[in-house]
């Protein structure tokens, strides 16, 4: 009688690691978010438009220029909100992470819209020229626009991409560690040592705490020679 030959067991192929794409998306989102906010804040303090306006009856021209904050302060404010939102993505979990990621994407979209609108806006330049002349309105000639609005627009696109990455891969991203959070369990007490008889101040401190300085460490009282440890008088 021949012995039964066992069939070889099929070897399970190792499952593909699902965390690789998540880790790459974390790095890309952080890079896009930080770089985008930095570009927007940098562009907001630079000159977006400049032109010349007549200063008096003699038609002497005065050069005027406006920064991104003068034209539209919304991109700079949304950049700050986007930075805070990017950090908040890692502080929340579940559905709240999706909500925060959506806010991050909306901040990027708002920056793109504000920068595109301000790239050709001349109202801020005309308002600044009118204030300088003490008038309600003033015409500005030879208006020229700088590339800084498009730098801010690029930063908004990067923030928008960071928000999309958070929406797509955010559920696989790690959250802030709770290792230092207290779970409500009481901390173990340190064992008390008997005070040193050679140091009177330790005896007084033990008396202040309501302890017997002549007792054993841990609060146990000395037993009489005829008493058993588990018997009380």
C-alpha atoms as a PDB file:
ATOM      1  CA  UNK A   1       0.000   0.000   0.000  1.00  0.00           C
ATOM      2  CA  UNK A   2       1.457   3.275  -1.082  1.00  0.00           C
ATOM      3  CA  UNK A   3       1.397   6.258   1.245  1.00  0.00           C
ATOM      4  CA  UNK A   4      -0.658   9.258   0.191  1.00  0.00           C
ATOM      5  CA  UNK A   5       1.460  12.046  -1.080  1.00  0.00           C
ATOM      6  CA  UNK A   6       0.313  15.417   0.315  1.00  0.00           C
ATOM      7  CA  UNK A   7      -0.438  18.059  -2.239  1.00  0.00           C
ATOM      8  CA  UNK A   8       1.819  21.092  -2.078  1.00  0.00           C
ATOM      9  CA  UNK A   9       0.125  24.103  -0.583  1.00  0.00           C
ATOM     10  CA  UNK A  10      -0.123  27.115  -2.840  1.00  0.00           C
ATOM     11  CA  UNK A  11       2.135  29.858  -1.593  1.00  0.00           C
ATOM     12  CA  UNK A  12       0.329  33.083  -1.005  1.00  0.00           C
ATOM     13  CA  UNK A  13       1.873  35.961  -2.856  1.00  0.00           C
ATOM     14  CA  UNK A  14       2.767  38.927  -0.663  1.00  0.00           C
ATOM     15  CA  UNK A  15       0.142  41.622  -0.828  1.00  0.00           C
ATOM     16  CA  UNK A  16       1.269  44.893  -2.334  1.00  0.00           C
ATOM     17  CA  UNK A  17       2.097  47.568   0.171  1.00  0.00           C
ATOM     18  CA  UNK A  18      -0.712  50.081   0.245  1.00  0.00           C
ATOM     19  CA  UNK A  19       1.170  52.673   2.253  1.00  0.00           C
ATOM     20  CA  UNK A  20       3.618  53.683  -0.491  1.00  0.00           C
ATOM     21  CA  UNK A  21       1.202  55.920  -2.358  1.00  0.00           C
ATOM     22  CA  UNK A  22      -0.028  57.380   0.919  1.00  0.00           C
ATOM     23  CA  UNK A  23       3.470  58.362   2.025  1.00  0.00           C
ATOM     24  CA  UNK A  24       4.282  59.897  -1.342  1.00  0.00           C
ATOM     25  CA  UNK A  25       1.036  61.853  -1.325  1.00  0.00           C
ATOM     26  CA  UNK A  26       1.794  63.205   2.167  1.00  0.00           C
ATOM     27  CA  UNK A  27       5.148  64.568   1.019  1.00  0.00           C
ATOM     28  CA  UNK A  28       3.661  66.033  -2.147  1.00  0.00           C
ATOM     29  CA  UNK A  29       0.781  67.689  -0.283  1.00  0.00           C
ATOM     30  CA  UNK A  30       3.096  69.229   2.302  1.00  0.00           C
ATOM     31  CA  UNK A  31       5.432  70.483  -0.427  1.00  0.00           C
ATOM     32  CA  UNK A  32       2.626  71.901  -2.567  1.00  0.00           C
ATOM     33  CA  UNK A  33       0.863  73.504   0.391  1.00  0.00           C
ATOM     34  CA  UNK A  34       3.936  75.138   1.924  1.00  0.00           C
ATOM     35  CA  UNK A  35       5.333  76.316  -1.418  1.00  0.00           C
ATOM     36  CA  UNK A  36       1.969  77.608  -2.579  1.00  0.00           C
ATOM     37  CA  UNK A  37       1.304  79.614   0.579  1.00  0.00           C
ATOM     38  CA  UNK A  38       4.845  81.033   0.473  1.00  0.00           C
ATOM     39  CA  UNK A  39       4.419  82.166  -3.137  1.00  0.00           C
ATOM     40  CA  UNK A  40       1.104  83.856  -2.392  1.00  0.00           C
ATOM     41  CA  UNK A  41       2.416  85.682   0.672  1.00  0.00           C
ATOM     42  CA  UNK A  42       5.548  86.736  -1.209  1.00  0.00           C
ATOM     43  CA  UNK A  43       3.597  88.026  -4.202  1.00  0.00           C
ATOM     44  CA  UNK A  44       1.123  89.898  -1.994  1.00  0.00           C
ATOM     45  CA  UNK A  45       3.798  92.351  -0.875  1.00  0.00           C
ATOM     46  CA  UNK A  46       5.146  93.044  -4.372  1.00  0.00           C
ATOM     47  CA  UNK A  47       4.027  95.577  -6.972  1.00  0.00           C
ATOM     48  CA  UNK A  48       1.178  94.332  -9.152  1.00  0.00           C
ATOM     49  CA  UNK A  49       0.478  97.462 -11.223  1.00  0.00           C
ATOM     50  CA  UNK A  50       1.943 100.919 -11.823  1.00  0.00           C
ATOM     51  CA  UNK A  51       1.058 103.967 -13.864  1.00  0.00           C
ATOM     52  CA  UNK A  52       1.221 107.746 -14.070  1.00  0.00           C
ATOM     53  CA  UNK A  53      -1.364 110.331 -13.056  1.00  0.00           C
ATOM     54  CA  UNK A  54      -1.537 114.112 -13.581  1.00  0.00           C
ATOM     55  CA  UNK A  55      -0.619 115.911 -10.355  1.00  0.00           C
ATOM     56  CA  UNK A  56      -1.702 119.517 -11.101  1.00  0.00           C
ATOM     57  CA  UNK A  57      -2.884 121.915 -13.781  1.00  0.00           C
ATOM     58  CA  UNK A  58       0.533 121.893 -15.387  1.00  0.00           C
ATOM     59  CA  UNK A  59      -0.086 118.222 -16.156  1.00  0.00           C
ATOM     60  CA  UNK A  60       3.046 117.049 -14.374  1.00  0.00           C
ATOM     61  CA  UNK A  61       2.881 113.274 -14.185  1.00  0.00           C
ATOM     62  CA  UNK A  62       3.390 111.374 -10.927  1.00  0.00           C
ATOM     63  CA  UNK A  63       4.156 107.671 -10.913  1.00  0.00           C
ATOM     64  CA  UNK A  64       1.919 105.485  -8.741  1.00  0.00           C
ATOM     65  CA  UNK A  65       2.120 101.806  -7.928  1.00  0.00           C
ATOM     66  CA  UNK A  66       0.041  99.328  -5.946  1.00  0.00           C
ATOM     67  CA  UNK A  67       0.927  96.029  -4.298  1.00  0.00           C
ATOM     68  CA  UNK A  68      -1.053  92.845  -4.230  1.00  0.00           C
ATOM     69  CA  UNK A  69      -2.506  93.712  -0.841  1.00  0.00           C
ATOM     70  CA  UNK A  70      -3.721  97.037  -2.256  1.00  0.00           C
ATOM     71  CA  UNK A  71      -5.374  95.345  -5.212  1.00  0.00           C
ATOM     72  CA  UNK A  72      -6.939  92.391  -3.398  1.00  0.00           C
ATOM     73  CA  UNK A  73      -6.194  91.242   0.136  1.00  0.00           C
ATOM     74  CA  UNK A  74      -8.128  87.980  -0.274  1.00  0.00           C
ATOM     75  CA  UNK A  75      -5.267  85.830  -1.660  1.00  0.00           C
ATOM     76  CA  UNK A  76      -2.981  86.645   1.277  1.00  0.00           C
ATOM     77  CA  UNK A  77      -5.702  85.907   3.824  1.00  0.00           C
ATOM     78  CA  UNK A  78      -6.586  82.622   2.129  1.00  0.00           C
ATOM     79  CA  UNK A  79      -2.911  81.637   2.077  1.00  0.00           C
ATOM     80  CA  UNK A  80      -2.744  81.942   5.873  1.00  0.00           C
ATOM     81  CA  UNK A  81      -5.966  79.951   6.218  1.00  0.00           C
ATOM     82  CA  UNK A  82      -4.588  77.336   3.827  1.00  0.00           C
ATOM     83  CA  UNK A  83      -1.444  76.885   5.911  1.00  0.00           C
ATOM     84  CA  UNK A  84      -3.491  76.410   9.075  1.00  0.00           C
ATOM     85  CA  UNK A  85      -5.791  73.991   7.248  1.00  0.00           C
ATOM     86  CA  UNK A  86      -2.834  71.978   5.972  1.00  0.00           C
ATOM     87  CA  UNK A  87      -1.690  71.409   9.559  1.00  0.00           C
ATOM     88  CA  UNK A  88      -5.246  70.670  10.699  1.00  0.00           C
ATOM     89  CA  UNK A  89      -5.532  67.826   8.173  1.00  0.00           C
ATOM     90  CA  UNK A  90      -3.170  65.749  10.328  1.00  0.00           C
ATOM     91  CA  UNK A  91      -4.944  66.664  13.580  1.00  0.00           C
ATOM     92  CA  UNK A  92      -8.343  65.216  12.652  1.00  0.00           C
ATOM     93  CA  UNK A  93      -9.617  61.855  11.470  1.00  0.00           C
ATOM     94  CA  UNK A  94     -12.522  60.386   9.580  1.00  0.00           C
ATOM     95  CA  UNK A  95     -15.091  62.653   8.006  1.00  0.00           C
ATOM     96  CA  UNK A  96     -13.513  65.759   9.553  1.00  0.00           C
ATOM     97  CA  UNK A  97     -10.337  65.130   7.592  1.00  0.00           C
ATOM     98  CA  UNK A  98     -12.397  65.172   4.390  1.00  0.00           C
ATOM     99  CA  UNK A  99     -14.044  68.434   5.428  1.00  0.00           C
ATOM    100  CA  UNK A 100     -10.705  70.089   6.228  1.00  0.00           C
ATOM    101  CA  UNK A 101      -9.215  68.844   2.954  1.00  0.00           C
ATOM    102  CA  UNK A 102     -12.148  70.374   1.076  1.00  0.00           C
ATOM    103  CA  UNK A 103     -11.536  73.704   2.828  1.00  0.00           C
ATOM    104  CA  UNK A 104      -7.883  73.534   1.764  1.00  0.00           C
ATOM    105  CA  UNK A 105      -8.879  72.996  -1.863  1.00  0.00           C
ATOM    106  CA  UNK A 106     -11.374  75.880  -1.667  1.00  0.00           C
ATOM    107  CA  UNK A 107      -8.646  78.177  -0.313  1.00  0.00           C
ATOM    108  CA  UNK A 108      -6.509  77.380  -3.354  1.00  0.00           C
ATOM    109  CA  UNK A 109      -9.426  77.984  -5.727  1.00  0.00           C
ATOM    110  CA  UNK A 110     -10.199  81.315  -4.061  1.00  0.00           C
ATOM    111  CA  UNK A 111      -6.589  82.431  -4.412  1.00  0.00           C
ATOM    112  CA  UNK A 112      -6.619  81.548  -8.115  1.00  0.00           C
ATOM    113  CA  UNK A 113      -9.798  83.568  -8.664  1.00  0.00           C
ATOM    114  CA  UNK A 114      -8.543  86.562  -6.673  1.00  0.00           C
ATOM    115  CA  UNK A 115      -5.155  86.639  -8.388  1.00  0.00           C
ATOM    116  CA  UNK A 116      -6.663  86.303 -11.868  1.00  0.00           C
ATOM    117  CA  UNK A 117      -9.059  89.175 -11.155  1.00  0.00           C
ATOM    118  CA  UNK A 118      -6.340  91.423  -9.767  1.00  0.00           C
ATOM    119  CA  UNK A 119      -3.956  90.797 -12.659  1.00  0.00           C
ATOM    120  CA  UNK A 120      -5.818  93.318 -14.844  1.00  0.00           C
ATOM    121  CA  UNK A 121      -7.443  95.479 -12.168  1.00  0.00           C
ATOM    122  CA  UNK A 122      -6.741  99.240 -12.267  1.00  0.00           C
ATOM    123  CA  UNK A 123      -9.297 100.465  -9.722  1.00  0.00           C
ATOM    124  CA  UNK A 124      -6.829 100.295  -6.841  1.00  0.00           C
ATOM    125  CA  UNK A 125      -4.290 102.292  -8.844  1.00  0.00           C
ATOM    126  CA  UNK A 126      -6.859 104.954  -9.710  1.00  0.00           C
ATOM    127  CA  UNK A 127      -8.045 105.130  -6.103  1.00  0.00           C
ATOM    128  CA  UNK A 128      -4.495 105.639  -4.861  1.00  0.00           C
ATOM    129  CA  UNK A 129      -3.885 108.403  -7.418  1.00  0.00           C
ATOM    130  CA  UNK A 130      -7.142 110.128  -6.426  1.00  0.00           C
ATOM    131  CA  UNK A 131      -6.224 110.076  -2.728  1.00  0.00           C
ATOM    132  CA  UNK A 132      -2.840 111.591  -3.507  1.00  0.00           C
ATOM    133  CA  UNK A 133      -4.524 114.480  -5.372  1.00  0.00           C
ATOM    134  CA  UNK A 134      -7.378 114.929  -2.901  1.00  0.00           C
ATOM    135  CA  UNK A 135      -9.982 114.051  -5.527  1.00  0.00           C
ATOM    136  CA  UNK A 136     -12.796 111.546  -5.657  1.00  0.00           C
ATOM    137  CA  UNK A 137     -11.480 110.007  -8.858  1.00  0.00           C
ATOM    138  CA  UNK A 138      -8.429 110.294 -11.073  1.00  0.00           C
ATOM    139  CA  UNK A 139      -7.372 108.868 -14.414  1.00  0.00           C
ATOM    140  CA  UNK A 140      -4.187 106.853 -14.622  1.00  0.00           C
ATOM    141  CA  UNK A 141      -2.246 106.562 -17.856  1.00  0.00           C
ATOM    142  CA  UNK A 142       0.484 104.220 -19.038  1.00  0.00           C
ATOM    143  CA  UNK A 143      -0.683 101.417 -16.789  1.00  0.00           C
ATOM    144  CA  UNK A 144       1.561  98.363 -16.690  1.00  0.00           C
ATOM    145  CA  UNK A 145       1.120  95.094 -14.804  1.00  0.00           C
ATOM    146  CA  UNK A 146       3.871  92.967 -13.316  1.00  0.00           C
ATOM    147  CA  UNK A 147       4.106  89.147 -13.270  1.00  0.00           C
ATOM    148  CA  UNK A 148       3.505  88.959  -9.519  1.00  0.00           C
ATOM    149  CA  UNK A 149      -0.259  88.296  -9.833  1.00  0.00           C
ATOM    150  CA  UNK A 150       0.585  85.179 -11.835  1.00  0.00           C
ATOM    151  CA  UNK A 151       3.035  84.108  -9.125  1.00  0.00           C
ATOM    152  CA  UNK A 152       0.184  84.331  -6.632  1.00  0.00           C
ATOM    153  CA  UNK A 153      -2.033  82.393  -9.028  1.00  0.00           C
ATOM    154  CA  UNK A 154       0.605  79.651  -9.226  1.00  0.00           C
ATOM    155  CA  UNK A 155       0.660  79.460  -5.441  1.00  0.00           C
ATOM    156  CA  UNK A 156      -3.114  79.103  -5.425  1.00  0.00           C
ATOM    157  CA  UNK A 157      -2.885  76.227  -7.891  1.00  0.00           C
ATOM    158  CA  UNK A 158      -0.371  74.472  -5.626  1.00  0.00           C
ATOM    159  CA  UNK A 159      -2.644  74.863  -2.622  1.00  0.00           C
ATOM    160  CA  UNK A 160      -5.548  73.547  -4.670  1.00  0.00           C
ATOM    161  CA  UNK A 161      -3.504  70.482  -5.646  1.00  0.00           C
ATOM    162  CA  UNK A 162      -2.596  69.917  -1.982  1.00  0.00           C
ATOM    163  CA  UNK A 163      -6.297  69.929  -1.148  1.00  0.00           C
ATOM    164  CA  UNK A 164      -7.049  67.432  -3.919  1.00  0.00           C
ATOM    165  CA  UNK A 165      -4.308  65.119  -2.646  1.00  0.00           C
ATOM    166  CA  UNK A 166      -5.755  65.338   0.859  1.00  0.00           C
ATOM    167  CA  UNK A 167      -9.207  64.481  -0.489  1.00  0.00           C
ATOM    168  CA  UNK A 168      -7.901  61.545  -2.498  1.00  0.00           C
ATOM    169  CA  UNK A 169      -5.344  59.985  -0.134  1.00  0.00           C
ATOM    170  CA  UNK A 170      -6.084  61.656   3.206  1.00  0.00           C
ATOM    171  CA  UNK A 171      -7.713  58.586   4.718  1.00  0.00           C
ATOM    172  CA  UNK A 172      -4.370  56.746   4.470  1.00  0.00           C
ATOM    173  CA  UNK A 173      -2.347  59.532   6.067  1.00  0.00           C
ATOM    174  CA  UNK A 174      -1.127  59.269   9.658  1.00  0.00           C
ATOM    175  CA  UNK A 175      -2.608  61.426  12.384  1.00  0.00           C
ATOM    176  CA  UNK A 176      -0.927  63.264  15.216  1.00  0.00           C
ATOM    177  CA  UNK A 177       0.250  60.833  17.879  1.00  0.00           C
ATOM    178  CA  UNK A 178      -1.757  60.596  21.078  1.00  0.00           C
ATOM    179  CA  UNK A 179       1.016  58.961  23.086  1.00  0.00           C
ATOM    180  CA  UNK A 180       1.206  61.969  25.403  1.00  0.00           C
ATOM    181  CA  UNK A 181      -2.538  62.227  25.956  1.00  0.00           C
ATOM    182  CA  UNK A 182      -3.781  61.064  29.377  1.00  0.00           C
ATOM    183  CA  UNK A 183      -6.294  58.239  29.307  1.00  0.00           C
ATOM    184  CA  UNK A 184      -7.797  59.006  32.709  1.00  0.00           C
ATOM    185  CA  UNK A 185      -6.114  56.157  34.571  1.00  0.00           C
ATOM    186  CA  UNK A 186      -4.545  57.170  37.893  1.00  0.00           C
ATOM    187  CA  UNK A 187      -0.813  57.304  38.011  1.00  0.00           C
ATOM    188  CA  UNK A 188       0.938  54.780  40.274  1.00  0.00           C
ATOM    189  CA  UNK A 189       2.119  56.157  43.568  1.00  0.00           C
ATOM    190  CA  UNK A 190       5.767  56.176  44.402  1.00  0.00           C
ATOM    191  CA  UNK A 191       6.689  53.929  47.323  1.00  0.00           C
ATOM    192  CA  UNK A 192       7.405  55.954  50.414  1.00  0.00           C
ATOM    193  CA  UNK A 193      10.634  55.412  52.227  1.00  0.00           C
ATOM    194  CA  UNK A 194      11.070  55.715  55.945  1.00  0.00           C
ATOM    195  CA  UNK A 195      12.500  59.073  57.057  1.00  0.00           C
ATOM    196  CA  UNK A 196      16.118  59.147  58.072  1.00  0.00           C
ATOM    197  CA  UNK A 197      16.364  59.416  61.903  1.00  0.00           C
ATOM    198  CA  UNK A 198      19.600  61.333  61.485  1.00  0.00           C
ATOM    199  CA  UNK A 199      17.713  64.137  59.676  1.00  0.00           C
ATOM    200  CA  UNK A 200      15.094  65.781  61.931  1.00  0.00           C
ATOM    201  CA  UNK A 201      13.593  67.765  59.029  1.00  0.00           C
ATOM    202  CA  UNK A 202      12.440  64.541  57.369  1.00  0.00           C
ATOM    203  CA  UNK A 203      10.736  63.461  60.618  1.00  0.00           C
ATOM    204  CA  UNK A 204       8.851  66.772  60.762  1.00  0.00           C
ATOM    205  CA  UNK A 205       7.818  66.463  57.088  1.00  0.00           C
ATOM    206  CA  UNK A 206       6.479  62.957  57.754  1.00  0.00           C
ATOM    207  CA  UNK A 207       4.459  64.269  60.705  1.00  0.00           C
ATOM    208  CA  UNK A 208       3.067  67.074  58.548  1.00  0.00           C
ATOM    209  CA  UNK A 209       1.883  64.488  56.028  1.00  0.00           C
ATOM    210  CA  UNK A 210       0.123  62.533  58.764  1.00  0.00           C
ATOM    211  CA  UNK A 211       2.568  59.637  58.648  1.00  0.00           C
ATOM    212  CA  UNK A 212       4.108  57.744  61.516  1.00  0.00           C
ATOM    213  CA  UNK A 213       7.870  58.335  61.271  1.00  0.00           C
ATOM    214  CA  UNK A 214       8.495  55.268  63.411  1.00  0.00           C
ATOM    215  CA  UNK A 215       6.457  52.946  61.144  1.00  0.00           C
ATOM    216  CA  UNK A 216       7.693  50.718  58.352  1.00  0.00           C
ATOM    217  CA  UNK A 217       7.983  51.963  54.770  1.00  0.00           C
ATOM    218  CA  UNK A 218       4.623  51.856  52.929  1.00  0.00           C
ATOM    219  CA  UNK A 219       2.582  52.695  56.039  1.00  0.00           C
ATOM    220  CA  UNK A 220       2.688  49.232  57.741  1.00  0.00           C
ATOM    221  CA  UNK A 221       2.695  49.355  61.530  1.00  0.00           C
ATOM    222  CA  UNK A 222       5.075  47.213  63.575  1.00  0.00           C
ATOM    223  CA  UNK A 223       3.478  44.109  65.113  1.00  0.00           C
ATOM    224  CA  UNK A 224       3.847  42.939  68.692  1.00  0.00           C
ATOM    225  CA  UNK A 225       5.920  39.791  69.376  1.00  0.00           C
ATOM    226  CA  UNK A 226       2.831  37.751  70.337  1.00  0.00           C
ATOM    227  CA  UNK A 227       0.520  38.959  67.553  1.00  0.00           C
ATOM    228  CA  UNK A 228       0.080  37.284  64.223  1.00  0.00           C
ATOM    229  CA  UNK A 229       0.371  39.469  61.113  1.00  0.00           C
ATOM    230  CA  UNK A 230      -3.302  38.952  60.161  1.00  0.00           C
ATOM    231  CA  UNK A 231      -4.755  39.357  63.654  1.00  0.00           C
ATOM    232  CA  UNK A 232      -5.835  42.668  65.109  1.00  0.00           C
ATOM    233  CA  UNK A 233      -6.347  43.402  68.805  1.00  0.00           C
END
